[in-house]
C-alpha atoms as a PDB file:
ATOM      1  CA  UNK A   1     126.380 -57.734 -39.725  1.00  0.00           C
ATOM      2  CA  UNK A   2     124.915 -58.947 -36.385  1.00  0.00           C
ATOM      3  CA  UNK A   3     124.279 -62.707 -36.595  1.00  0.00           C
ATOM      4  CA  UNK A   4     121.883 -62.666 -33.589  1.00  0.00           C
ATOM      5  CA  UNK A   5     118.155 -62.926 -33.959  1.00  0.00           C
ATOM      6  CA  UNK A   6     116.084 -61.919 -30.967  1.00  0.00           C
ATOM      7  CA  UNK A   7     113.417 -59.537 -29.963  1.00  0.00           C
ATOM      8  CA  UNK A   8     115.908 -56.646 -29.858  1.00  0.00           C
ATOM      9  CA  UNK A   9     116.991 -57.255 -33.452  1.00  0.00           C
ATOM     10  CA  UNK A  10     113.460 -57.711 -34.593  1.00  0.00           C
ATOM     11  CA  UNK A  11     112.524 -54.313 -33.050  1.00  0.00           C
ATOM     12  CA  UNK A  12     115.605 -52.899 -34.917  1.00  0.00           C
ATOM     13  CA  UNK A  13     114.441 -54.408 -38.157  1.00  0.00           C
ATOM     14  CA  UNK A  14     110.950 -52.881 -37.728  1.00  0.00           C
ATOM     15  CA  UNK A  15     112.439 -49.447 -37.127  1.00  0.00           C
ATOM     16  CA  UNK A  16     114.459 -49.787 -40.259  1.00  0.00           C
ATOM     17  CA  UNK A  17     111.606 -50.868 -42.429  1.00  0.00           C
ATOM     18  CA  UNK A  18     109.353 -48.096 -41.107  1.00  0.00           C
ATOM     19  CA  UNK A  19     112.116 -45.578 -42.119  1.00  0.00           C
ATOM     20  CA  UNK A  20     112.133 -47.001 -45.590  1.00  0.00           C
ATOM     21  CA  UNK A  21     115.405 -48.943 -45.292  1.00  0.00           C
ATOM     22  CA  UNK A  22     116.084 -52.512 -46.342  1.00  0.00           C
ATOM     23  CA  UNK A  23     116.678 -55.651 -44.102  1.00  0.00           C
ATOM     24  CA  UNK A  24     118.137 -59.011 -44.745  1.00  0.00           C
ATOM     25  CA  UNK A  25     115.408 -61.539 -43.934  1.00  0.00           C
ATOM     26  CA  UNK A  26     115.599 -65.337 -43.666  1.00  0.00           C
ATOM     27  CA  UNK A  27     112.988 -67.494 -45.424  1.00  0.00           C
ATOM     28  CA  UNK A  28     112.704 -71.195 -45.971  1.00  0.00           C
ATOM     29  CA  UNK A  29     113.781 -70.776 -49.550  1.00  0.00           C
ATOM     30  CA  UNK A  30     116.527 -68.087 -49.718  1.00  0.00           C
ATOM     31  CA  UNK A  31     117.418 -65.029 -47.780  1.00  0.00           C
ATOM     32  CA  UNK A  32     115.423 -62.029 -48.950  1.00  0.00           C
ATOM     33  CA  UNK A  33     116.270 -58.278 -49.177  1.00  0.00           C
ATOM     34  CA  UNK A  34     113.116 -57.008 -47.494  1.00  0.00           C
ATOM     35  CA  UNK A  35     111.486 -53.547 -47.677  1.00  0.00           C
ATOM     36  CA  UNK A  36     108.160 -52.006 -47.311  1.00  0.00           C
ATOM     37  CA  UNK A  37     106.154 -52.935 -50.473  1.00  0.00           C
ATOM     38  CA  UNK A  38     103.978 -49.780 -50.132  1.00  0.00           C
ATOM     39  CA  UNK A  39     106.980 -47.261 -50.264  1.00  0.00           C
ATOM     40  CA  UNK A  40     108.403 -46.400 -53.599  1.00  0.00           C
ATOM     41  CA  UNK A  41     111.702 -45.265 -52.103  1.00  0.00           C
ATOM     42  CA  UNK A  42     112.105 -48.324 -50.012  1.00  0.00           C
ATOM     43  CA  UNK A  43     111.472 -50.636 -53.112  1.00  0.00           C
ATOM     44  CA  UNK A  44     113.844 -48.491 -55.242  1.00  0.00           C
ATOM     45  CA  UNK A  45     116.597 -49.276 -52.758  1.00  0.00           C
ATOM     46  CA  UNK A  46     116.078 -53.014 -53.422  1.00  0.00           C
ATOM     47  CA  UNK A  47     116.510 -52.467 -57.127  1.00  0.00           C
ATOM     48  CA  UNK A  48     119.576 -50.243 -56.620  1.00  0.00           C
ATOM     49  CA  UNK A  49     121.283 -52.609 -54.081  1.00  0.00           C
ATOM     50  CA  UNK A  50     120.762 -55.713 -56.297  1.00  0.00           C
ATOM     51  CA  UNK A  51     121.469 -53.823 -59.582  1.00  0.00           C
ATOM     52  CA  UNK A  52     118.222 -55.410 -60.763  1.00  0.00           C
ATOM     53  CA  UNK A  53     116.506 -54.252 -63.924  1.00  0.00           C
ATOM     54  CA  UNK A  54     113.341 -52.311 -63.178  1.00  0.00           C
ATOM     55  CA  UNK A  55     111.270 -54.434 -65.662  1.00  0.00           C
ATOM     56  CA  UNK A  56     111.813 -57.570 -63.350  1.00  0.00           C
ATOM     57  CA  UNK A  57     108.929 -57.468 -60.766  1.00  0.00           C
ATOM     58  CA  UNK A  58     109.194 -58.505 -57.195  1.00  0.00           C
ATOM     59  CA  UNK A  59     107.293 -60.838 -54.912  1.00  0.00           C
ATOM     60  CA  UNK A  60     105.443 -59.506 -51.840  1.00  0.00           C
ATOM     61  CA  UNK A  61     105.497 -61.578 -48.603  1.00  0.00           C
ATOM     62  CA  UNK A  62     102.486 -61.779 -46.435  1.00  0.00           C
ATOM     63  CA  UNK A  63     101.774 -63.424 -43.060  1.00  0.00           C
ATOM     64  CA  UNK A  64      98.402 -64.864 -43.938  1.00  0.00           C
ATOM     65  CA  UNK A  65      95.826 -65.372 -46.667  1.00  0.00           C
ATOM     66  CA  UNK A  66      93.764 -62.529 -45.131  1.00  0.00           C
ATOM     67  CA  UNK A  67      96.671 -60.096 -45.678  1.00  0.00           C
ATOM     68  CA  UNK A  68      97.217 -61.470 -49.122  1.00  0.00           C
ATOM     69  CA  UNK A  69      93.570 -60.644 -50.116  1.00  0.00           C
ATOM     70  CA  UNK A  70      94.095 -57.095 -49.150  1.00  0.00           C
ATOM     71  CA  UNK A  71      96.642 -56.608 -51.993  1.00  0.00           C
ATOM     72  CA  UNK A  72      95.421 -59.052 -54.659  1.00  0.00           C
ATOM     73  CA  UNK A  73      92.343 -60.544 -56.122  1.00  0.00           C
ATOM     74  CA  UNK A  74      92.085 -64.331 -55.325  1.00  0.00           C
ATOM     75  CA  UNK A  75      89.752 -66.408 -57.541  1.00  0.00           C
ATOM     76  CA  UNK A  76      88.431 -69.666 -56.069  1.00  0.00           C
ATOM     77  CA  UNK A  77      91.289 -71.513 -57.711  1.00  0.00           C
ATOM     78  CA  UNK A  78      93.843 -69.155 -56.142  1.00  0.00           C
ATOM     79  CA  UNK A  79      92.186 -69.470 -52.772  1.00  0.00           C
ATOM     80  CA  UNK A  80      92.169 -73.309 -53.164  1.00  0.00           C
ATOM     81  CA  UNK A  81      95.967 -73.292 -53.880  1.00  0.00           C
ATOM     82  CA  UNK A  82      96.715 -70.771 -51.091  1.00  0.00           C
ATOM     83  CA  UNK A  83      94.831 -72.742 -48.549  1.00  0.00           C
ATOM     84  CA  UNK A  84      96.756 -75.888 -49.325  1.00  0.00           C
ATOM     85  CA  UNK A  85     100.257 -74.565 -49.816  1.00  0.00           C
ATOM     86  CA  UNK A  86     100.328 -71.743 -47.297  1.00  0.00           C
ATOM     87  CA  UNK A  87      98.637 -73.569 -44.376  1.00  0.00           C
ATOM     88  CA  UNK A  88     100.981 -74.433 -41.517  1.00  0.00           C
ATOM     89  CA  UNK A  89     101.456 -78.251 -41.041  1.00  0.00           C
ATOM     90  CA  UNK A  90      99.757 -78.932 -44.458  1.00  0.00           C
ATOM     91  CA  UNK A  91     101.225 -81.845 -46.343  1.00  0.00           C
ATOM     92  CA  UNK A  92     101.379 -79.550 -49.274  1.00  0.00           C
ATOM     93  CA  UNK A  93     103.475 -76.806 -47.427  1.00  0.00           C
ATOM     94  CA  UNK A  94     105.950 -76.069 -49.999  1.00  0.00           C
ATOM     95  CA  UNK A  95     106.976 -72.664 -51.163  1.00  0.00           C
ATOM     96  CA  UNK A  96     104.530 -71.363 -53.830  1.00  0.00           C
ATOM     97  CA  UNK A  97     104.019 -67.921 -55.165  1.00  0.00           C
ATOM     98  CA  UNK A  98     100.688 -66.938 -56.781  1.00  0.00           C
ATOM     99  CA  UNK A  99     100.397 -64.206 -59.492  1.00  0.00           C
ATOM    100  CA  UNK A 100      97.009 -62.468 -59.159  1.00  0.00           C
ATOM    101  CA  UNK A 101      95.335 -59.231 -60.233  1.00  0.00           C
ATOM    102  CA  UNK A 102      96.403 -56.497 -57.854  1.00  0.00           C
ATOM    103  CA  UNK A 103      93.570 -54.744 -56.006  1.00  0.00           C
ATOM    104  CA  UNK A 104      95.240 -52.102 -53.876  1.00  0.00           C
ATOM    105  CA  UNK A 105      96.659 -48.820 -55.172  1.00  0.00           C
ATOM    106  CA  UNK A 106      98.705 -48.393 -52.088  1.00  0.00           C
ATOM    107  CA  UNK A 107     101.114 -51.028 -53.460  1.00  0.00           C
ATOM    108  CA  UNK A 108     104.268 -49.503 -54.993  1.00  0.00           C
ATOM    109  CA  UNK A 109     104.076 -49.715 -58.764  1.00  0.00           C
ATOM    110  CA  UNK A 110     107.858 -50.512 -58.629  1.00  0.00           C
ATOM    111  CA  UNK A 111     106.984 -53.869 -57.016  1.00  0.00           C
ATOM    112  CA  UNK A 112     104.914 -54.870 -59.900  1.00  0.00           C
ATOM    113  CA  UNK A 113     107.077 -53.214 -62.555  1.00  0.00           C
ATOM    114  CA  UNK A 114     103.998 -51.432 -63.797  1.00  0.00           C
ATOM    115  CA  UNK A 115     101.942 -54.563 -64.377  1.00  0.00           C
ATOM    116  CA  UNK A 116      98.384 -54.898 -63.193  1.00  0.00           C
ATOM    117  CA  UNK A 117      99.286 -58.161 -61.537  1.00  0.00           C
ATOM    118  CA  UNK A 118     101.182 -58.841 -58.224  1.00  0.00           C
ATOM    119  CA  UNK A 119     103.128 -61.946 -57.147  1.00  0.00           C
ATOM    120  CA  UNK A 120     102.228 -62.984 -53.480  1.00  0.00           C
ATOM    121  CA  UNK A 121     103.504 -65.572 -51.277  1.00  0.00           C
ATOM    122  CA  UNK A 122     103.422 -66.616 -47.549  1.00  0.00           C
ATOM    123  CA  UNK A 123     106.867 -67.825 -46.305  1.00  0.00           C
ATOM    124  CA  UNK A 124     106.900 -70.543 -43.665  1.00  0.00           C
ATOM    125  CA  UNK A 125     110.123 -69.375 -41.808  1.00  0.00           C
ATOM    126  CA  UNK A 126     109.087 -68.253 -38.286  1.00  0.00           C
ATOM    127  CA  UNK A 127     111.454 -65.194 -38.418  1.00  0.00           C
ATOM    128  CA  UNK A 128     109.850 -63.903 -41.628  1.00  0.00           C
ATOM    129  CA  UNK A 129     106.314 -64.466 -40.417  1.00  0.00           C
ATOM    130  CA  UNK A 130     107.065 -62.707 -37.074  1.00  0.00           C
ATOM    131  CA  UNK A 131     108.609 -59.747 -38.909  1.00  0.00           C
ATOM    132  CA  UNK A 132     105.688 -59.382 -41.439  1.00  0.00           C
ATOM    133  CA  UNK A 133     103.040 -59.777 -38.733  1.00  0.00           C
ATOM    134  CA  UNK A 134     104.675 -57.150 -36.518  1.00  0.00           C
ATOM    135  CA  UNK A 135     105.069 -54.730 -39.468  1.00  0.00           C
ATOM    136  CA  UNK A 136     101.523 -55.154 -40.522  1.00  0.00           C
ATOM    137  CA  UNK A 137     102.130 -54.668 -44.223  1.00  0.00           C
ATOM    138  CA  UNK A 138     103.622 -56.917 -46.981  1.00  0.00           C
ATOM    139  CA  UNK A 139     107.353 -56.891 -47.541  1.00  0.00           C
ATOM    140  CA  UNK A 140     108.880 -56.876 -51.007  1.00  0.00           C
ATOM    141  CA  UNK A 141     111.772 -59.420 -50.582  1.00  0.00           C
ATOM    142  CA  UNK A 142     113.715 -60.766 -53.690  1.00  0.00           C
ATOM    143  CA  UNK A 143     116.807 -62.847 -53.007  1.00  0.00           C
ATOM    144  CA  UNK A 144     119.303 -60.795 -51.034  1.00  0.00           C
ATOM    145  CA  UNK A 145     122.175 -60.847 -53.472  1.00  0.00           C
ATOM    146  CA  UNK A 146     123.363 -58.782 -56.576  1.00  0.00           C
ATOM    147  CA  UNK A 147     121.198 -59.512 -59.642  1.00  0.00           C
ATOM    148  CA  UNK A 148     122.107 -62.650 -61.459  1.00  0.00           C
ATOM    149  CA  UNK A 149     124.477 -63.800 -58.785  1.00  0.00           C
ATOM    150  CA  UNK A 150     124.118 -67.097 -56.824  1.00  0.00           C
ATOM    151  CA  UNK A 151     121.139 -66.815 -54.469  1.00  0.00           C
ATOM    152  CA  UNK A 152     122.080 -66.699 -50.570  1.00  0.00           C
ATOM    153  CA  UNK A 153     120.942 -69.508 -48.241  1.00  0.00           C
ATOM    154  CA  UNK A 154     122.815 -68.204 -45.084  1.00  0.00           C
ATOM    155  CA  UNK A 155     123.208 -64.811 -43.496  1.00  0.00           C
ATOM    156  CA  UNK A 156     126.889 -64.875 -44.177  1.00  0.00           C
ATOM    157  CA  UNK A 157     126.244 -65.320 -47.953  1.00  0.00           C
ATOM    158  CA  UNK A 158     124.215 -62.088 -47.851  1.00  0.00           C
ATOM    159  CA  UNK A 159     126.962 -60.182 -46.325  1.00  0.00           C
ATOM    160  CA  UNK A 160     129.515 -61.646 -48.813  1.00  0.00           C
ATOM    161  CA  UNK A 161     127.497 -60.263 -51.695  1.00  0.00           C
ATOM    162  CA  UNK A 162     126.067 -56.976 -50.253  1.00  0.00           C
ATOM    163  CA  UNK A 163     128.305 -56.179 -47.163  1.00  0.00           C
ATOM    164  CA  UNK A 164     127.547 -53.206 -45.081  1.00  0.00           C
ATOM    165  CA  UNK A 165     125.088 -51.742 -47.627  1.00  0.00           C
ATOM    166  CA  UNK A 166     122.412 -53.760 -45.820  1.00  0.00           C
ATOM    167  CA  UNK A 167     122.043 -52.196 -42.317  1.00  0.00           C
ATOM    168  CA  UNK A 168     120.739 -55.333 -40.583  1.00  0.00           C
ATOM    169  CA  UNK A 169     120.664 -59.027 -41.596  1.00  0.00           C
ATOM    170  CA  UNK A 170     118.484 -61.228 -39.429  1.00  0.00           C
ATOM    171  CA  UNK A 171     120.110 -64.568 -39.104  1.00  0.00           C
ATOM    172  CA  UNK A 172     117.671 -67.493 -39.285  1.00  0.00           C
ATOM    173  CA  UNK A 173     120.184 -70.274 -40.050  1.00  0.00           C
ATOM    174  CA  UNK A 174     120.581 -72.004 -43.138  1.00  0.00           C
ATOM    175  CA  UNK A 175     117.530 -72.128 -45.438  1.00  0.00           C
ATOM    176  CA  UNK A 176     115.630 -75.440 -45.321  1.00  0.00           C
ATOM    177  CA  UNK A 177     114.543 -75.631 -48.839  1.00  0.00           C
ATOM    178  CA  UNK A 178     117.355 -73.778 -50.608  1.00  0.00           C
ATOM    179  CA  UNK A 179     115.562 -72.995 -53.798  1.00  0.00           C
ATOM    180  CA  UNK A 180     113.181 -70.119 -54.564  1.00  0.00           C
ATOM    181  CA  UNK A 181     109.483 -70.674 -54.750  1.00  0.00           C
ATOM    182  CA  UNK A 182     107.489 -72.016 -57.628  1.00  0.00           C
ATOM    183  CA  UNK A 183     105.520 -69.265 -59.385  1.00  0.00           C
ATOM    184  CA  UNK A 184     102.180 -69.880 -60.926  1.00  0.00           C
ATOM    185  CA  UNK A 185      99.911 -67.373 -62.711  1.00  0.00           C
ATOM    186  CA  UNK A 186      96.245 -67.753 -61.547  1.00  0.00           C
ATOM    187  CA  UNK A 187      94.804 -64.574 -63.264  1.00  0.00           C
ATOM    188  CA  UNK A 188      92.649 -66.752 -65.537  1.00  0.00           C
ATOM    189  CA  UNK A 189      90.931 -70.149 -65.272  1.00  0.00           C
ATOM    190  CA  UNK A 190      94.178 -71.772 -66.477  1.00  0.00           C
ATOM    191  CA  UNK A 191      97.266 -72.406 -64.243  1.00  0.00           C
ATOM    192  CA  UNK A 192     100.348 -71.128 -66.023  1.00  0.00           C
ATOM    193  CA  UNK A 193     103.816 -72.044 -64.624  1.00  0.00           C
ATOM    194  CA  UNK A 194     106.169 -69.022 -64.613  1.00  0.00           C
ATOM    195  CA  UNK A 195     109.034 -70.405 -62.582  1.00  0.00           C
ATOM    196  CA  UNK A 196     109.903 -73.872 -61.251  1.00  0.00           C
ATOM    197  CA  UNK A 197     110.831 -74.070 -57.528  1.00  0.00           C
ATOM    198  CA  UNK A 198     110.182 -75.788 -54.215  1.00  0.00           C
ATOM    199  CA  UNK A 199     106.517 -76.820 -54.993  1.00  0.00           C
ATOM    200  CA  UNK A 200     106.516 -79.445 -57.732  1.00  0.00           C
ATOM    201  CA  UNK A 201     104.163 -79.360 -60.725  1.00  0.00           C
ATOM    202  CA  UNK A 202     102.776 -82.638 -59.460  1.00  0.00           C
ATOM    203  CA  UNK A 203     101.858 -81.272 -56.156  1.00  0.00           C
ATOM    204  CA  UNK A 204     100.087 -78.259 -57.685  1.00  0.00           C
ATOM    205  CA  UNK A 205      98.081 -80.292 -60.162  1.00  0.00           C
ATOM    206  CA  UNK A 206      96.984 -82.680 -57.336  1.00  0.00           C
ATOM    207  CA  UNK A 207      95.609 -79.768 -55.365  1.00  0.00           C
ATOM    208  CA  UNK A 208      94.124 -77.803 -58.347  1.00  0.00           C
ATOM    209  CA  UNK A 209      92.586 -80.857 -60.044  1.00  0.00           C
ATOM    210  CA  UNK A 210      93.779 -79.539 -63.368  1.00  0.00           C
ATOM    211  CA  UNK A 211      96.964 -79.402 -65.535  1.00  0.00           C
ATOM    212  CA  UNK A 212      99.636 -76.709 -65.188  1.00  0.00           C
ATOM    213  CA  UNK A 213     100.444 -75.090 -68.508  1.00  0.00           C
ATOM    214  CA  UNK A 214     104.030 -74.150 -69.102  1.00  0.00           C
ATOM    215  CA  UNK A 215     105.336 -71.153 -70.972  1.00  0.00           C
ATOM    216  CA  UNK A 216     108.535 -71.873 -72.977  1.00  0.00           C
ATOM    217  CA  UNK A 217     109.135 -68.349 -74.355  1.00  0.00           C
ATOM    218  CA  UNK A 218     107.389 -65.490 -72.520  1.00  0.00           C
ATOM    219  CA  UNK A 219     106.762 -62.331 -74.440  1.00  0.00           C
ATOM    220  CA  UNK A 220     107.500 -60.264 -71.383  1.00  0.00           C
ATOM    221  CA  UNK A 221     108.890 -60.680 -67.845  1.00  0.00           C
ATOM    222  CA  UNK A 222     105.793 -61.200 -65.622  1.00  0.00           C
ATOM    223  CA  UNK A 223     107.368 -62.689 -62.536  1.00  0.00           C
ATOM    224  CA  UNK A 224     110.909 -63.011 -60.852  1.00  0.00           C
ATOM    225  CA  UNK A 225     113.174 -65.833 -62.068  1.00  0.00           C
ATOM    226  CA  UNK A 226     112.205 -65.638 -65.785  1.00  0.00           C
ATOM    227  CA  UNK A 227     115.540 -64.112 -66.968  1.00  0.00           C
ATOM    228  CA  UNK A 228     117.437 -66.363 -69.237  1.00  0.00           C
ATOM    229  CA  UNK A 229     120.598 -65.849 -67.250  1.00  0.00           C
ATOM    230  CA  UNK A 230     120.222 -65.934 -63.573  1.00  0.00           C
ATOM    231  CA  UNK A 231     121.728 -67.441 -60.330  1.00  0.00           C
ATOM    232  CA  UNK A 232     125.190 -67.351 -62.059  1.00  0.00           C
ATOM    233  CA  UNK A 233     128.635 -67.925 -60.626  1.00  0.00           C
ATOM    234  CA  UNK A 234     131.720 -66.070 -61.766  1.00  0.00           C
ATOM    235  CA  UNK A 235     133.332 -69.332 -62.996  1.00  0.00           C
ATOM    236  CA  UNK A 236     131.909 -70.864 -66.125  1.00  0.00           C
ATOM    237  CA  UNK A 237     129.414 -73.732 -65.496  1.00  0.00           C
ATOM    238  CA  UNK A 238     129.206 -76.864 -67.464  1.00  0.00           C
ATOM    239  CA  UNK A 239     126.184 -79.206 -67.005  1.00  0.00           C
ATOM    240  CA  UNK A 240     125.588 -82.982 -67.367  1.00  0.00           C
ATOM    241  CA  UNK A 241     129.239 -83.814 -66.876  1.00  0.00           C
ATOM    242  CA  UNK A 242     130.259 -87.491 -66.492  1.00  0.00           C
ATOM    243  CA  UNK A 243     133.960 -86.976 -67.250  1.00  0.00           C
ATOM    244  CA  UNK A 244     135.450 -83.731 -65.699  1.00  0.00           C
ATOM    245  CA  UNK A 245     138.388 -82.081 -67.256  1.00  0.00           C
ATOM    246  CA  UNK A 246     141.612 -81.195 -65.483  1.00  0.00           C
ATOM    247  CA  UNK A 247     141.155 -78.114 -63.412  1.00  0.00           C
ATOM    248  CA  UNK A 248     137.405 -78.584 -63.037  1.00  0.00           C
ATOM    249  CA  UNK A 249     135.624 -78.568 -59.724  1.00  0.00           C
ATOM    250  CA  UNK A 250     133.104 -81.373 -59.944  1.00  0.00           C
ATOM    251  CA  UNK A 251     129.745 -80.815 -58.163  1.00  0.00           C
ATOM    252  CA  UNK A 252     128.390 -84.363 -57.964  1.00  0.00           C
ATOM    253  CA  UNK A 253     125.127 -85.962 -57.432  1.00  0.00           C
ATOM    254  CA  UNK A 254     124.730 -89.610 -56.319  1.00  0.00           C
ATOM    255  CA  UNK A 255     127.581 -92.128 -56.392  1.00  0.00           C
ATOM    256  CA  UNK A 256     130.238 -89.889 -58.168  1.00  0.00           C
ATOM    257  CA  UNK A 257     133.711 -90.799 -57.214  1.00  0.00           C
ATOM    258  CA  UNK A 258     136.227 -87.946 -56.938  1.00  0.00           C
ATOM    259  CA  UNK A 259     133.590 -85.186 -56.676  1.00  0.00           C
ATOM    260  CA  UNK A 260     134.876 -81.942 -55.131  1.00  0.00           C
ATOM    261  CA  UNK A 261     131.466 -81.643 -53.400  1.00  0.00           C
ATOM    262  CA  UNK A 262     128.379 -83.732 -53.702  1.00  0.00           C
ATOM    263  CA  UNK A 263     124.839 -82.330 -53.559  1.00  0.00           C
ATOM    264  CA  UNK A 264     123.529 -85.680 -52.239  1.00  0.00           C
ATOM    265  CA  UNK A 265     125.630 -88.806 -52.234  1.00  0.00           C
ATOM    266  CA  UNK A 266     122.481 -90.832 -51.651  1.00  0.00           C
ATOM    267  CA  UNK A 267     120.719 -89.237 -54.754  1.00  0.00           C
ATOM    268  CA  UNK A 268     118.185 -87.446 -52.666  1.00  0.00           C
ATOM    269  CA  UNK A 269     116.771 -84.537 -54.766  1.00  0.00           C
ATOM    270  CA  UNK A 270     115.414 -82.646 -51.733  1.00  0.00           C
ATOM    271  CA  UNK A 271     118.849 -82.702 -50.149  1.00  0.00           C
ATOM    272  CA  UNK A 272     120.432 -81.607 -53.342  1.00  0.00           C
ATOM    273  CA  UNK A 273     118.135 -78.549 -53.683  1.00  0.00           C
ATOM    274  CA  UNK A 274     118.889 -77.551 -50.130  1.00  0.00           C
ATOM    275  CA  UNK A 275     122.668 -77.745 -50.866  1.00  0.00           C
ATOM    276  CA  UNK A 276     122.694 -76.235 -54.445  1.00  0.00           C
ATOM    277  CA  UNK A 277     123.375 -72.617 -53.971  1.00  0.00           C
ATOM    278  CA  UNK A 278     125.655 -72.899 -50.864  1.00  0.00           C
ATOM    279  CA  UNK A 279     127.881 -75.488 -52.758  1.00  0.00           C
ATOM    280  CA  UNK A 280     127.859 -73.397 -55.927  1.00  0.00           C
ATOM    281  CA  UNK A 281     128.985 -70.452 -53.815  1.00  0.00           C
ATOM    282  CA  UNK A 282     131.712 -72.449 -52.213  1.00  0.00           C
ATOM    283  CA  UNK A 283     133.056 -73.752 -55.550  1.00  0.00           C
ATOM    284  CA  UNK A 284     132.862 -70.285 -57.043  1.00  0.00           C
ATOM    285  CA  UNK A 285     135.235 -69.065 -54.498  1.00  0.00           C
ATOM    286  CA  UNK A 286     137.874 -71.671 -55.342  1.00  0.00           C
ATOM    287  CA  UNK A 287     140.599 -71.464 -58.084  1.00  0.00           C
ATOM    288  CA  UNK A 288     139.049 -73.975 -60.364  1.00  0.00           C
ATOM    289  CA  UNK A 289     139.007 -73.549 -64.216  1.00  0.00           C
ATOM    290  CA  UNK A 290     135.289 -74.400 -64.451  1.00  0.00           C
ATOM    291  CA  UNK A 291     132.489 -75.790 -62.288  1.00  0.00           C
ATOM    292  CA  UNK A 292     131.363 -79.119 -63.784  1.00  0.00           C
ATOM    293  CA  UNK A 293     128.007 -80.540 -62.583  1.00  0.00           C
ATOM    294  CA  UNK A 294     126.869 -84.129 -62.639  1.00  0.00           C
ATOM    295  CA  UNK A 295     123.549 -85.068 -64.360  1.00  0.00           C
ATOM    296  CA  UNK A 296     120.521 -84.216 -62.183  1.00  0.00           C
ATOM    297  CA  UNK A 297     117.381 -86.345 -62.757  1.00  0.00           C
ATOM    298  CA  UNK A 298     114.770 -84.084 -64.345  1.00  0.00           C
ATOM    299  CA  UNK A 299     111.770 -85.226 -62.121  1.00  0.00           C
ATOM    300  CA  UNK A 300     110.110 -83.653 -59.221  1.00  0.00           C
ATOM    301  CA  UNK A 301     112.197 -80.902 -57.666  1.00  0.00           C
ATOM    302  CA  UNK A 302     114.999 -82.033 -59.788  1.00  0.00           C
ATOM    303  CA  UNK A 303     113.256 -80.041 -62.577  1.00  0.00           C
ATOM    304  CA  UNK A 304     113.667 -76.939 -60.419  1.00  0.00           C
ATOM    305  CA  UNK A 305     117.364 -77.658 -59.783  1.00  0.00           C
ATOM    306  CA  UNK A 306     118.054 -78.172 -63.484  1.00  0.00           C
ATOM    307  CA  UNK A 307     116.203 -74.812 -64.253  1.00  0.00           C
ATOM    308  CA  UNK A 308     118.528 -72.921 -61.884  1.00  0.00           C
ATOM    309  CA  UNK A 309     121.624 -74.733 -63.293  1.00  0.00           C
ATOM    310  CA  UNK A 310     120.578 -74.015 -66.974  1.00  0.00           C
ATOM    311  CA  UNK A 311     120.061 -70.275 -66.163  1.00  0.00           C
ATOM    312  CA  UNK A 312     123.257 -70.182 -64.291  1.00  0.00           C
ATOM    313  CA  UNK A 313     125.216 -71.767 -67.173  1.00  0.00           C
ATOM    314  CA  UNK A 314     123.632 -69.329 -69.846  1.00  0.00           C
ATOM    315  CA  UNK A 315     126.095 -66.939 -71.499  1.00  0.00           C
ATOM    316  CA  UNK A 316     123.557 -64.983 -73.495  1.00  0.00           C
ATOM    317  CA  UNK A 317     123.356 -61.621 -71.626  1.00  0.00           C
ATOM    318  CA  UNK A 318     121.428 -59.703 -74.269  1.00  0.00           C
ATOM    319  CA  UNK A 319     118.298 -61.941 -74.824  1.00  0.00           C
ATOM    320  CA  UNK A 320     116.578 -60.772 -71.596  1.00  0.00           C
ATOM    321  CA  UNK A 321     116.550 -57.138 -72.433  1.00  0.00           C
ATOM    322  CA  UNK A 322     115.593 -57.299 -76.223  1.00  0.00           C
ATOM    323  CA  UNK A 323     112.077 -55.756 -76.831  1.00  0.00           C
ATOM    324  CA  UNK A 324     111.731 -54.950 -73.014  1.00  0.00           C
ATOM    325  CA  UNK A 325     113.104 -51.438 -72.855  1.00  0.00           C
END
């Protein structure tokens, strides 16, 4: 891995992408494993490297709303959300992925897992935007880690999980948000929440002027992050712990004496979100018996934090594939 990030490495990344190879790419959420979203062979490498089930679709990353509209149909509501959340310097600039009807047959069907919809987002990280703009086509880029493992928020974390199987990892520093994007289905007149993330439900509803509907039990996987078990450490994870047991590594939040690590001593949920995956990864490399996590308020971005923790703590490995094969 070369941790530098300059014009020379950007040119190297573009050559690799053009050859159908994968590249580690920083975003404001987590690091992504990027490949040409129009090449089946390139997208197949993502699935193989991540050991990701083929029924789990990918997000394509674009550099503008104009590029997005070349690959998906944007209704007036979708355009309204994209204009608010994808605009640089917007007060609503938080990571939001929109699921729309696909309108371009040049997009790899592996990206969409055979669905007639596509998940699209515009990252705000300057390295990601520069890479996509120079490439001229959308990049499929799920988190750059093995499927179900803790998402990477640094270039080093990508290397720890995937090693030399990724020919180049562009280093953009630690991810500012630290949680994946919120995903909303806008294929109908109703807004349907598919995954909690960096953009809160309250933000989305304030822009859309309508309520966001939630799906508790989806009949099929229509977007990333819907698997019941995901983001999981090797050590068992126990939630809402106020009294840790001997041998536990305590991941605290707020004023928690004796915490091994603390997501935010001041109780700041945004700070906690940015620290979550990095601290989980650190504790997972320790010799603890279990990772115990203090209660996290289930409000705002805290809902997304609890979503990740609940999936990470899940031990049901079979429920995600039943009826999907």
